[in-house]
C-alpha atoms as a PDB file:
ATOM      1  CA  MET A   1      25.356 -69.128 -53.425  1.00  0.00           C
ATOM      2  CA  THR A   2      23.534 -69.687 -49.825  1.00  0.00           C
ATOM      3  CA  LYS A   3      20.261 -71.763 -50.968  1.00  0.00           C
ATOM      4  CA  PRO A   4      16.849 -70.065 -50.138  1.00  0.00           C
ATOM      5  CA  PRO A   5      14.720 -71.231 -47.101  1.00  0.00           C
ATOM      6  CA  SER A   6      12.054 -74.026 -48.691  1.00  0.00           C
ATOM      7  CA  LEU A   7       8.575 -72.786 -48.814  1.00  0.00           C
ATOM      8  CA  PRO A   8       7.553 -74.075 -44.928  1.00  0.00           C
ATOM      9  CA  ALA A   9      10.755 -72.699 -43.642  1.00  0.00           C
ATOM     10  CA  ARG A  10       9.117 -69.132 -45.204  1.00  0.00           C
ATOM     11  CA  LEU A  11       5.649 -69.822 -43.863  1.00  0.00           C
ATOM     12  CA  GLY A  12       7.605 -70.284 -40.447  1.00  0.00           C
ATOM     13  CA  LEU A  13       9.437 -67.105 -40.831  1.00  0.00           C
ATOM     14  CA  ALA A  14       6.391 -65.230 -41.989  1.00  0.00           C
ATOM     15  CA  ALA A  15       4.396 -66.523 -39.059  1.00  0.00           C
ATOM     16  CA  ALA A  16       7.266 -65.520 -36.303  1.00  0.00           C
ATOM     17  CA  ALA A  17       7.394 -62.002 -38.007  1.00  0.00           C
ATOM     18  CA  ALA A  18       3.949 -61.547 -37.623  1.00  0.00           C
ATOM     19  CA  ALA A  19       3.728 -62.192 -34.269  1.00  0.00           C
ATOM     20  CA  LEU A  20       6.341 -59.978 -34.118  1.00  0.00           C
ATOM     21  CA  THR A  21       4.379 -57.128 -35.506  1.00  0.00           C
ATOM     22  CA  THR A  22       1.788 -58.135 -33.499  1.00  0.00           C
ATOM     23  CA  ALA A  23       3.558 -57.921 -30.235  1.00  0.00           C
ATOM     24  CA  CYS A  24       3.882 -54.158 -30.744  1.00  0.00           C
ATOM     25  CA  THR A  25       4.526 -53.233 -27.088  1.00  0.00           C
ATOM     26  CA  PRO A  26       7.110 -53.929 -24.278  1.00  0.00           C
ATOM     27  CA  LEU A  27       3.880 -55.790 -22.895  1.00  0.00           C
ATOM     28  CA  GLY A  28       3.071 -57.614 -26.031  1.00  0.00           C
ATOM     29  CA  LEU A  29       6.491 -58.656 -27.030  1.00  0.00           C
ATOM     30  CA  PHE A  30       6.613 -60.218 -23.084  1.00  0.00           C
ATOM     31  CA  ALA A  31       3.485 -62.144 -24.126  1.00  0.00           C
ATOM     32  CA  THR A  32       4.961 -63.335 -27.341  1.00  0.00           C
ATOM     33  CA  LEU A  33       8.547 -64.355 -26.297  1.00  0.00           C
ATOM     34  CA  SER A  34       7.962 -65.411 -22.731  1.00  0.00           C
ATOM     35  CA  PRO A  35       7.953 -69.295 -21.253  1.00  0.00           C
ATOM     36  CA  LYS A  36       4.697 -69.968 -20.509  1.00  0.00           C
ATOM     37  CA  ASP A  37       2.714 -72.383 -17.888  1.00  0.00           C
ATOM     38  CA  PRO A  38       1.292 -75.806 -19.313  1.00  0.00           C
ATOM     39  CA  ALA A  39      -2.032 -75.419 -19.512  1.00  0.00           C
ATOM     40  CA  LEU A  40      -4.470 -75.629 -22.846  1.00  0.00           C
ATOM     41  CA  ARG A  41      -5.886 -72.523 -24.618  1.00  0.00           C
ATOM     42  CA  SER A  42      -9.843 -73.638 -25.673  1.00  0.00           C
ATOM     43  CA  ALA A  43     -11.070 -70.549 -27.461  1.00  0.00           C
ATOM     44  CA  GLN A  44     -10.465 -67.508 -28.600  1.00  0.00           C
ATOM     45  CA  ASN A  45     -11.723 -63.957 -30.110  1.00  0.00           C
ATOM     46  CA  VAL A  46     -14.790 -65.390 -28.059  1.00  0.00           C
ATOM     47  CA  ALA A  47     -17.549 -62.565 -28.420  1.00  0.00           C
ATOM     48  CA  TYR A  48     -19.560 -61.891 -25.389  1.00  0.00           C
ATOM     49  CA  GLY A  49     -21.070 -58.768 -26.856  1.00  0.00           C
ATOM     50  CA  PRO A  50     -21.602 -57.118 -30.313  1.00  0.00           C
ATOM     51  CA  ASN A  51     -18.566 -54.440 -29.802  1.00  0.00           C
ATOM     52  CA  PRO A  52     -15.569 -55.519 -31.196  1.00  0.00           C
ATOM     53  CA  ARG A  53     -14.268 -54.823 -27.672  1.00  0.00           C
ATOM     54  CA  GLN A  54     -16.302 -57.041 -26.016  1.00  0.00           C
ATOM     55  CA  ALA A  55     -14.285 -60.384 -26.755  1.00  0.00           C
ATOM     56  CA  LEU A  56     -12.690 -62.729 -24.301  1.00  0.00           C
ATOM     57  CA  ASP A  57     -10.262 -65.890 -24.406  1.00  0.00           C
ATOM     58  CA  VAL A  58     -10.298 -69.131 -23.033  1.00  0.00           C
ATOM     59  CA  TYR A  59      -8.014 -71.324 -20.325  1.00  0.00           C
ATOM     60  CA  ALA A  60      -8.559 -74.509 -19.391  1.00  0.00           C
ATOM     61  CA  PRO A  61      -6.422 -76.480 -17.322  1.00  0.00           C
ATOM     62  CA  ARG A  62      -5.677 -80.161 -19.142  1.00  0.00           C
ATOM     63  CA  SER A  63      -7.321 -82.417 -15.825  1.00  0.00           C
ATOM     64  CA  ALA A  64     -10.898 -79.944 -15.874  1.00  0.00           C
ATOM     65  CA  THR A  65     -13.308 -82.140 -15.676  1.00  0.00           C
ATOM     66  CA  GLY A  66     -16.374 -79.753 -14.889  1.00  0.00           C
ATOM     67  CA  SER A  67     -16.297 -79.318 -11.214  1.00  0.00           C
ATOM     68  CA  ALA A  68     -12.699 -76.603 -11.643  1.00  0.00           C
ATOM     69  CA  PRO A  69     -13.582 -73.730 -10.224  1.00  0.00           C
ATOM     70  CA  VAL A  70     -13.844 -70.492 -13.424  1.00  0.00           C
ATOM     71  CA  ALA A  71     -11.415 -67.488 -12.547  1.00  0.00           C
ATOM     72  CA  VAL A  72     -12.417 -64.120 -14.981  1.00  0.00           C
ATOM     73  CA  PHE A  73      -9.561 -61.745 -15.240  1.00  0.00           C
ATOM     74  CA  PHE A  74      -8.641 -58.180 -15.392  1.00  0.00           C
ATOM     75  CA  TYR A  75      -5.813 -56.324 -17.095  1.00  0.00           C
ATOM     76  CA  GLY A  76      -5.554 -52.624 -15.996  1.00  0.00           C
ATOM     77  CA  GLY A  77      -4.383 -49.616 -18.351  1.00  0.00           C
ATOM     78  CA  ALA A  78      -6.058 -46.979 -16.630  1.00  0.00           C
ATOM     79  CA  TRP A  79      -9.635 -47.612 -18.294  1.00  0.00           C
ATOM     80  CA  ASP A  80      -7.716 -46.426 -21.787  1.00  0.00           C
ATOM     81  CA  SER A  81      -5.290 -48.847 -22.955  1.00  0.00           C
ATOM     82  CA  GLY A  82      -4.951 -53.137 -22.629  1.00  0.00           C
ATOM     83  CA  ARG A  83      -5.552 -55.444 -24.738  1.00  0.00           C
ATOM     84  CA  ARG A  84      -6.568 -60.037 -23.762  1.00  0.00           C
ATOM     85  CA  GLN A  85      -3.200 -60.762 -26.172  1.00  0.00           C
ATOM     86  CA  ASP A  86      -1.004 -59.267 -24.144  1.00  0.00           C
ATOM     87  CA  TYR A  87      -1.816 -61.578 -20.867  1.00  0.00           C
ATOM     88  CA  ASN A  88      -1.869 -64.871 -22.371  1.00  0.00           C
ATOM     89  CA  TRP A  89       0.888 -65.527 -19.421  1.00  0.00           C
ATOM     90  CA  ALA A  90      -1.379 -64.757 -16.657  1.00  0.00           C
ATOM     91  CA  GLY A  91      -4.765 -67.102 -18.449  1.00  0.00           C
ATOM     92  CA  ARG A  92      -2.152 -69.644 -18.618  1.00  0.00           C
ATOM     93  CA  ALA A  93      -0.541 -69.553 -15.508  1.00  0.00           C
ATOM     94  CA  LEU A  94      -4.095 -69.153 -13.382  1.00  0.00           C
ATOM     95  CA  ALA A  95      -5.227 -72.127 -15.655  1.00  0.00           C
ATOM     96  CA  ALA A  96      -2.055 -74.041 -14.519  1.00  0.00           C
ATOM     97  CA  ARG A  97      -2.862 -73.766 -11.007  1.00  0.00           C
ATOM     98  CA  GLY A  98      -6.708 -75.333 -11.841  1.00  0.00           C
ATOM     99  CA  PHE A  99      -9.068 -72.582 -13.256  1.00  0.00           C
ATOM    100  CA  VAL A 100     -10.912 -72.450 -15.828  1.00  0.00           C
ATOM    101  CA  THR A 101      -9.810 -68.908 -16.617  1.00  0.00           C
ATOM    102  CA  ILE A 102     -11.497 -65.926 -18.744  1.00  0.00           C
ATOM    103  CA  VAL A 103      -9.069 -63.115 -19.810  1.00  0.00           C
ATOM    104  CA  ALA A 104     -11.535 -60.285 -21.340  1.00  0.00           C
ATOM    105  CA  ASP A 105     -11.181 -57.331 -23.025  1.00  0.00           C
ATOM    106  CA  TYR A 106     -13.559 -54.468 -22.268  1.00  0.00           C
ATOM    107  CA  ARG A 107     -14.428 -50.746 -23.683  1.00  0.00           C
ATOM    108  CA  LEU A 108     -12.325 -48.109 -22.720  1.00  0.00           C
ATOM    109  CA  TYR A 109     -12.124 -44.586 -22.565  1.00  0.00           C
ATOM    110  CA  PRO A 110     -12.836 -42.442 -24.240  1.00  0.00           C
ATOM    111  CA  GLU A 111     -15.871 -44.258 -25.909  1.00  0.00           C
ATOM    112  CA  VAL A 112     -16.742 -45.043 -22.686  1.00  0.00           C
ATOM    113  CA  ARG A 113     -16.547 -44.237 -19.291  1.00  0.00           C
ATOM    114  CA  TYR A 114     -17.669 -44.863 -15.801  1.00  0.00           C
ATOM    115  CA  PRO A 115     -19.496 -47.532 -15.724  1.00  0.00           C
ATOM    116  CA  GLY A 116     -19.097 -48.690 -18.855  1.00  0.00           C
ATOM    117  CA  PHE A 117     -16.052 -50.531 -18.309  1.00  0.00           C
ATOM    118  CA  LEU A 118     -18.308 -52.212 -15.422  1.00  0.00           C
ATOM    119  CA  GLU A 119     -21.163 -53.221 -17.037  1.00  0.00           C
ATOM    120  CA  ASP A 120     -18.833 -55.323 -20.047  1.00  0.00           C
ATOM    121  CA  GLY A 121     -16.883 -56.667 -16.972  1.00  0.00           C
ATOM    122  CA  ALA A 122     -20.398 -58.396 -15.895  1.00  0.00           C
ATOM    123  CA  GLN A 123     -21.361 -59.397 -19.572  1.00  0.00           C
ATOM    124  CA  ALA A 124     -18.165 -61.347 -19.188  1.00  0.00           C
ATOM    125  CA  VAL A 125     -19.656 -62.856 -16.437  1.00  0.00           C
ATOM    126  CA  ARG A 126     -22.355 -63.324 -18.154  1.00  0.00           C
ATOM    127  CA  TRP A 127     -20.785 -65.471 -20.367  1.00  0.00           C
ATOM    128  CA  ALA A 128     -18.409 -67.229 -18.206  1.00  0.00           C
ATOM    129  CA  ALA A 129     -20.961 -68.167 -16.462  1.00  0.00           C
ATOM    130  CA  ASP A 130     -23.278 -69.281 -19.253  1.00  0.00           C
ATOM    131  CA  HIS A 131     -20.421 -71.300 -20.363  1.00  0.00           C
ATOM    132  CA  ALA A 132     -17.573 -72.446 -18.625  1.00  0.00           C
ATOM    133  CA  ALA A 133     -19.298 -75.956 -17.877  1.00  0.00           C
ATOM    134  CA  GLN A 134     -18.006 -76.628 -22.139  1.00  0.00           C
ATOM    135  CA  TYR A 135     -14.362 -76.327 -20.931  1.00  0.00           C
ATOM    136  CA  GLY A 136     -14.527 -78.015 -17.859  1.00  0.00           C
ATOM    137  CA  GLY A 137     -15.085 -75.103 -15.307  1.00  0.00           C
ATOM    138  CA  ASP A 138     -17.832 -74.937 -12.680  1.00  0.00           C
ATOM    139  CA  PRO A 139     -20.527 -71.761 -13.276  1.00  0.00           C
ATOM    140  CA  SER A 140     -21.495 -71.674  -9.502  1.00  0.00           C
ATOM    141  CA  ARG A 141     -17.668 -70.851  -8.799  1.00  0.00           C
ATOM    142  CA  ILE A 142     -16.430 -67.682  -9.999  1.00  0.00           C
ATOM    143  CA  VAL A 143     -13.589 -65.416  -8.643  1.00  0.00           C
ATOM    144  CA  LEU A 144     -12.924 -62.537 -10.314  1.00  0.00           C
ATOM    145  CA  VAL A 145      -9.395 -61.207 -10.805  1.00  0.00           C
ATOM    146  CA  GLY A 146      -7.959 -58.174 -11.767  1.00  0.00           C
ATOM    147  CA  HIS A 147      -4.808 -55.821 -11.401  1.00  0.00           C
ATOM    148  CA  SER A 148      -4.801 -51.980 -11.344  1.00  0.00           C
ATOM    149  CA  ALA A 149      -7.843 -50.817 -13.402  1.00  0.00           C
ATOM    150  CA  GLY A 150      -8.515 -54.295 -13.603  1.00  0.00           C
ATOM    151  CA  ALA A 151      -8.660 -55.000 -10.428  1.00  0.00           C
ATOM    152  CA  TYR A 152     -10.933 -52.189  -9.427  1.00  0.00           C
ATOM    153  CA  ASN A 153     -12.921 -53.610 -12.075  1.00  0.00           C
ATOM    154  CA  ALA A 154     -13.321 -57.602 -10.567  1.00  0.00           C
ATOM    155  CA  VAL A 155     -13.306 -55.945  -7.313  1.00  0.00           C
ATOM    156  CA  MET A 156     -16.073 -53.346  -7.719  1.00  0.00           C
ATOM    157  CA  LEU A 157     -18.198 -56.166  -9.624  1.00  0.00           C
ATOM    158  CA  GLY A 158     -17.920 -58.728  -6.783  1.00  0.00           C
ATOM    159  CA  LEU A 159     -18.877 -56.031  -4.069  1.00  0.00           C
ATOM    160  CA  ASP A 160     -21.691 -54.382  -5.613  1.00  0.00           C
ATOM    161  CA  GLY A 161     -24.093 -56.726  -6.945  1.00  0.00           C
ATOM    162  CA  ARG A 162     -25.855 -54.576  -9.355  1.00  0.00           C
ATOM    163  CA  TYR A 163     -23.624 -54.893 -12.182  1.00  0.00           C
ATOM    164  CA  LEU A 164     -23.688 -58.569 -12.404  1.00  0.00           C
ATOM    165  CA  LYS A 165     -27.702 -58.838 -11.363  1.00  0.00           C
ATOM    166  CA  ALA A 166     -27.903 -56.322 -14.595  1.00  0.00           C
ATOM    167  CA  ALA A 167     -26.640 -58.549 -17.061  1.00  0.00           C
ATOM    168  CA  GLY A 168     -28.342 -61.551 -15.254  1.00  0.00           C
ATOM    169  CA  VAL A 169     -26.092 -63.208 -12.791  1.00  0.00           C
ATOM    170  CA  ASP A 170     -26.775 -63.941  -9.637  1.00  0.00           C
ATOM    171  CA  PRO A 171     -24.041 -62.525  -7.114  1.00  0.00           C
ATOM    172  CA  ARG A 172     -23.673 -65.481  -5.079  1.00  0.00           C
ATOM    173  CA  GLN A 173     -21.902 -67.355  -7.636  1.00  0.00           C
ATOM    174  CA  VAL A 174     -19.294 -64.565  -6.906  1.00  0.00           C
ATOM    175  CA  LYS A 175     -17.532 -66.652  -4.300  1.00  0.00           C
ATOM    176  CA  ALA A 176     -13.903 -64.503  -4.277  1.00  0.00           C
ATOM    177  CA  VAL A 177     -12.317 -61.428  -5.364  1.00  0.00           C
ATOM    178  CA  ALA A 178      -8.699 -61.011  -5.482  1.00  0.00           C
ATOM    179  CA  GLY A 179      -6.984 -57.680  -6.627  1.00  0.00           C
ATOM    180  CA  LEU A 180      -3.397 -56.639  -6.855  1.00  0.00           C
ATOM    181  CA  ALA A 181      -2.487 -53.112  -6.581  1.00  0.00           C
ATOM    182  CA  GLY A 182      -6.082 -51.778  -7.187  1.00  0.00           C
ATOM    183  CA  PRO A 183      -7.632 -48.360  -7.194  1.00  0.00           C
ATOM    184  CA  TYR A 184     -10.901 -48.459  -4.193  1.00  0.00           C
ATOM    185  CA  ALA A 185     -10.499 -45.500  -2.471  1.00  0.00           C
ATOM    186  CA  PHE A 186      -9.804 -42.744  -4.646  1.00  0.00           C
ATOM    187  CA  ILE A 187     -11.920 -39.562  -4.105  1.00  0.00           C
ATOM    188  CA  PRO A 188     -11.118 -36.855  -3.728  1.00  0.00           C
ATOM    189  CA  LEU A 189     -10.230 -37.729  -7.831  1.00  0.00           C
ATOM    190  CA  ASP A 190      -6.662 -36.247  -7.591  1.00  0.00           C
ATOM    191  CA  GLY A 191      -5.065 -37.057 -11.345  1.00  0.00           C
ATOM    192  CA  PRO A 192      -5.961 -36.718 -14.578  1.00  0.00           C
ATOM    193  CA  VAL A 193      -6.889 -40.526 -15.096  1.00  0.00           C
ATOM    194  CA  THR A 194      -9.673 -40.447 -12.437  1.00  0.00           C
ATOM    195  CA  ARG A 195     -10.863 -37.288 -13.779  1.00  0.00           C
ATOM    196  CA  ARG A 196     -11.152 -38.411 -17.485  1.00  0.00           C
ATOM    197  CA  THR A 197     -12.687 -41.492 -16.323  1.00  0.00           C
ATOM    198  CA  PHE A 198     -15.381 -41.344 -13.388  1.00  0.00           C
ATOM    199  CA  GLY A 199     -15.257 -37.052 -13.158  1.00  0.00           C
ATOM    200  CA  GLU A 200     -18.853 -36.875 -15.008  1.00  0.00           C
ATOM    201  CA  THR A 201     -20.547 -38.741 -12.129  1.00  0.00           C
ATOM    202  CA  LYS A 202     -23.171 -37.398  -9.943  1.00  0.00           C
ATOM    203  CA  ASP A 203     -23.091 -39.420  -6.801  1.00  0.00           C
ATOM    204  CA  LEU A 204     -18.464 -39.886  -6.520  1.00  0.00           C
ATOM    205  CA  ALA A 205     -18.892 -42.158  -3.659  1.00  0.00           C
ATOM    206  CA  ALA A 206     -20.828 -44.673  -5.153  1.00  0.00           C
ATOM    207  CA  THR A 207     -17.708 -44.932  -7.569  1.00  0.00           C
ATOM    208  CA  GLN A 208     -15.737 -46.711  -4.722  1.00  0.00           C
ATOM    209  CA  PRO A 209     -15.100 -49.869  -3.852  1.00  0.00           C
ATOM    210  CA  ILE A 210     -14.682 -48.982  -0.153  1.00  0.00           C
ATOM    211  CA  ALA A 211     -18.319 -47.995  -0.044  1.00  0.00           C
ATOM    212  CA  TYR A 212     -19.893 -51.627  -1.218  1.00  0.00           C
ATOM    213  CA  ALA A 213     -17.636 -53.611   2.563  1.00  0.00           C
ATOM    214  CA  ARG A 214     -20.289 -55.812   4.225  1.00  0.00           C
ATOM    215  CA  THR A 215     -20.202 -59.050   6.143  1.00  0.00           C
ATOM    216  CA  ASP A 216     -21.465 -60.699   3.164  1.00  0.00           C
ATOM    217  CA  ALA A 217     -19.466 -59.709   0.335  1.00  0.00           C
ATOM    218  CA  PRO A 218     -16.943 -62.374  -1.234  1.00  0.00           C
ATOM    219  CA  ALA A 219     -14.063 -63.327   0.229  1.00  0.00           C
ATOM    220  CA  ALA A 220     -11.548 -60.460  -0.750  1.00  0.00           C
ATOM    221  CA  PHE A 221      -7.413 -61.295  -1.567  1.00  0.00           C
ATOM    222  CA  LEU A 222      -6.238 -57.448  -1.247  1.00  0.00           C
ATOM    223  CA  ALA A 223      -2.117 -57.530  -2.391  1.00  0.00           C
ATOM    224  CA  THR A 224       0.002 -55.005  -3.231  1.00  0.00           C
ATOM    225  CA  GLY A 225       3.954 -53.843  -3.448  1.00  0.00           C
ATOM    226  CA  ASP A 226       5.476 -51.317  -1.146  1.00  0.00           C
ATOM    227  CA  ALA A 227       7.072 -50.019  -3.919  1.00  0.00           C
ATOM    228  CA  ASP A 228       4.102 -49.132  -5.805  1.00  0.00           C
ATOM    229  CA  THR A 229       4.145 -45.389  -6.245  1.00  0.00           C
ATOM    230  CA  THR A 230       1.585 -45.496  -9.265  1.00  0.00           C
ATOM    231  CA  VAL A 231      -1.545 -47.046  -7.137  1.00  0.00           C
ATOM    232  CA  TYR A 232      -0.447 -46.270  -3.466  1.00  0.00           C
ATOM    233  CA  PRO A 233      -0.901 -49.423  -1.116  1.00  0.00           C
ATOM    234  CA  ARG A 234      -3.138 -47.163   0.565  1.00  0.00           C
ATOM    235  CA  ASN A 235      -5.940 -48.162  -1.491  1.00  0.00           C
ATOM    236  CA  THR A 236      -5.174 -51.565  -0.654  1.00  0.00           C
ATOM    237  CA  VAL A 237      -4.690 -51.111   3.161  1.00  0.00           C
ATOM    238  CA  ARG A 238      -8.056 -48.874   3.485  1.00  0.00           C
ATOM    239  CA  LEU A 239     -10.257 -51.131   1.582  1.00  0.00           C
ATOM    240  CA  ALA A 240      -8.629 -54.264   3.854  1.00  0.00           C
ATOM    241  CA  LYS A 241      -9.897 -52.361   7.181  1.00  0.00           C
ATOM    242  CA  ALA A 242     -13.531 -51.333   5.794  1.00  0.00           C
ATOM    243  CA  LEU A 243     -13.937 -54.626   5.233  1.00  0.00           C
ATOM    244  CA  ARG A 244     -12.125 -56.464   8.315  1.00  0.00           C
ATOM    245  CA  GLU A 245     -14.405 -53.961  10.305  1.00  0.00           C
ATOM    246  CA  ALA A 246     -17.478 -55.133   8.691  1.00  0.00           C
ATOM    247  CA  GLY A 247     -17.144 -58.818   9.476  1.00  0.00           C
ATOM    248  CA  ALA A 248     -16.148 -60.065   5.646  1.00  0.00           C
ATOM    249  CA  VAL A 249     -12.776 -62.298   5.146  1.00  0.00           C
ATOM    250  CA  VAL A 250     -10.533 -60.277   3.858  1.00  0.00           C
ATOM    251  CA  GLU A 251      -6.115 -61.826   3.247  1.00  0.00           C
ATOM    252  CA  GLU A 252      -4.099 -58.307   2.782  1.00  0.00           C
ATOM    253  CA  ARG A 253      -0.349 -59.373   1.586  1.00  0.00           C
ATOM    254  CA  HIS A 254       2.261 -55.749   0.918  1.00  0.00           C
ATOM    255  CA  TYR A 255       5.229 -57.363  -0.587  1.00  0.00           C
ATOM    256  CA  PRO A 256       8.152 -55.905  -0.254  1.00  0.00           C
ATOM    257  CA  GLY A 257      10.260 -53.913  -3.457  1.00  0.00           C
ATOM    258  CA  VAL A 258       7.890 -54.906  -5.903  1.00  0.00           C
ATOM    259  CA  ASP A 259       6.398 -52.135  -7.765  1.00  0.00           C
ATOM    260  CA  HIS A 260       3.194 -52.034  -9.555  1.00  0.00           C
ATOM    261  CA  ILE A 261       3.818 -53.705 -12.996  1.00  0.00           C
ATOM    262  CA  ARG A 262       6.206 -56.127 -11.034  1.00  0.00           C
ATOM    263  CA  ILE A 263       3.415 -57.573  -8.915  1.00  0.00           C
ATOM    264  CA  VAL A 264       1.040 -58.562 -11.522  1.00  0.00           C
ATOM    265  CA  LEU A 265       4.379 -60.454 -13.982  1.00  0.00           C
ATOM    266  CA  ALA A 266       4.793 -62.133 -10.631  1.00  0.00           C
ATOM    267  CA  LEU A 267       2.314 -64.343 -12.151  1.00  0.00           C
ATOM    268  CA  SER A 268       4.596 -64.770 -14.900  1.00  0.00           C
ATOM    269  CA  ARG A 269       6.756 -68.032 -15.410  1.00  0.00           C
ATOM    270  CA  PRO A 270       9.735 -66.230 -15.379  1.00  0.00           C
ATOM    271  CA  LEU A 271       9.132 -63.622 -13.072  1.00  0.00           C
ATOM    272  CA  ARG A 272       7.472 -65.960 -10.736  1.00  0.00           C
ATOM    273  CA  GLY A 273      10.204 -66.113  -8.187  1.00  0.00           C
ATOM    274  CA  GLN A 274       9.957 -61.632  -7.487  1.00  0.00           C
ATOM    275  CA  ALA A 275       6.943 -61.872  -4.921  1.00  0.00           C
ATOM    276  CA  PRO A 276       4.865 -65.342  -3.714  1.00  0.00           C
ATOM    277  CA  VAL A 277       1.847 -63.624  -5.332  1.00  0.00           C
ATOM    278  CA  LEU A 278       0.313 -66.646  -7.291  1.00  0.00           C
ATOM    279  CA  ASP A 279       0.704 -69.262  -4.952  1.00  0.00           C
ATOM    280  CA  GLU A 280      -0.652 -67.097  -2.220  1.00  0.00           C
ATOM    281  CA  MET A 281      -3.198 -65.715  -4.492  1.00  0.00           C
ATOM    282  CA  THR A 282      -4.209 -69.434  -5.590  1.00  0.00           C
ATOM    283  CA  THR A 283      -4.109 -70.825  -2.276  1.00  0.00           C
ATOM    284  CA  PHE A 284      -6.565 -68.412  -0.618  1.00  0.00           C
ATOM    285  CA  LEU A 285      -9.144 -68.305  -3.865  1.00  0.00           C
ATOM    286  CA  ARG A 286      -9.394 -72.349  -4.316  1.00  0.00           C
ATOM    287  CA  LYS A 287      -9.969 -72.324  -0.668  1.00  0.00           C
ATOM    288  CA  HIS A 288     -13.046 -69.556  -0.837  1.00  0.00           C
ATOM    289  CA  ALA A 289     -14.373 -71.036  -4.138  1.00  0.00           C
ATOM    290  CA  GLY A 290     -15.913 -73.869  -2.510  1.00  0.00           C
END
């Protein structure tokens, strides 16, 4: 007769089962099971506002001493899906490269439309500015990073300073932005996602990051995969061109054979060999964070 597992073993099995149950999506399963970079998770499920979606996690470098740059990461999901727990590998990847990293949730459609998610993003940046020093970060050296819809959020917050100002943040604290496969110039609204998210806005031009290209914009790292058929590379091409013509600092990267999802998964430890996204992005961000 097989001996039943001990209580500690049963508890371990229960914890594993619970973890797999919460990993209810392919990305959640990836976040649960994939190897991760060695970084210290310093805080989890921290509220930056009263709504349950206004919460964040913090990942800190093991060697952070108070002068580390601070990265705020926004995930994608068409502004209607996503959760920070599924991006623990991204937070750890950035922390392992020396950034005190905040991975923030934000309110989604249909609870909010534009600009609700930008207002949440600005509040998350405000939290970073107020609290990053507790984790070894320098709040005067903030960078914003995002993928897909999250790249829109990151780049828009960096270029249109109204949201940060409204949240009580000096936009000059944001030294650089990094957008991976982001939508930056999508008028006319040509799909159900953009129509439902932005269609009620009277001034559509004001919703476009490309409208805010200017000489004194934060330095911008803009990357896309040439196999991306979800957010076409022309978005990256057009914004990079507008920023260059305005006299801003911009680095544009196109990765052969990389699609919309692989460009962000290339930040993860097991898939990093698919494209040098992490190396090139963090080198750029460290250079311009000051």
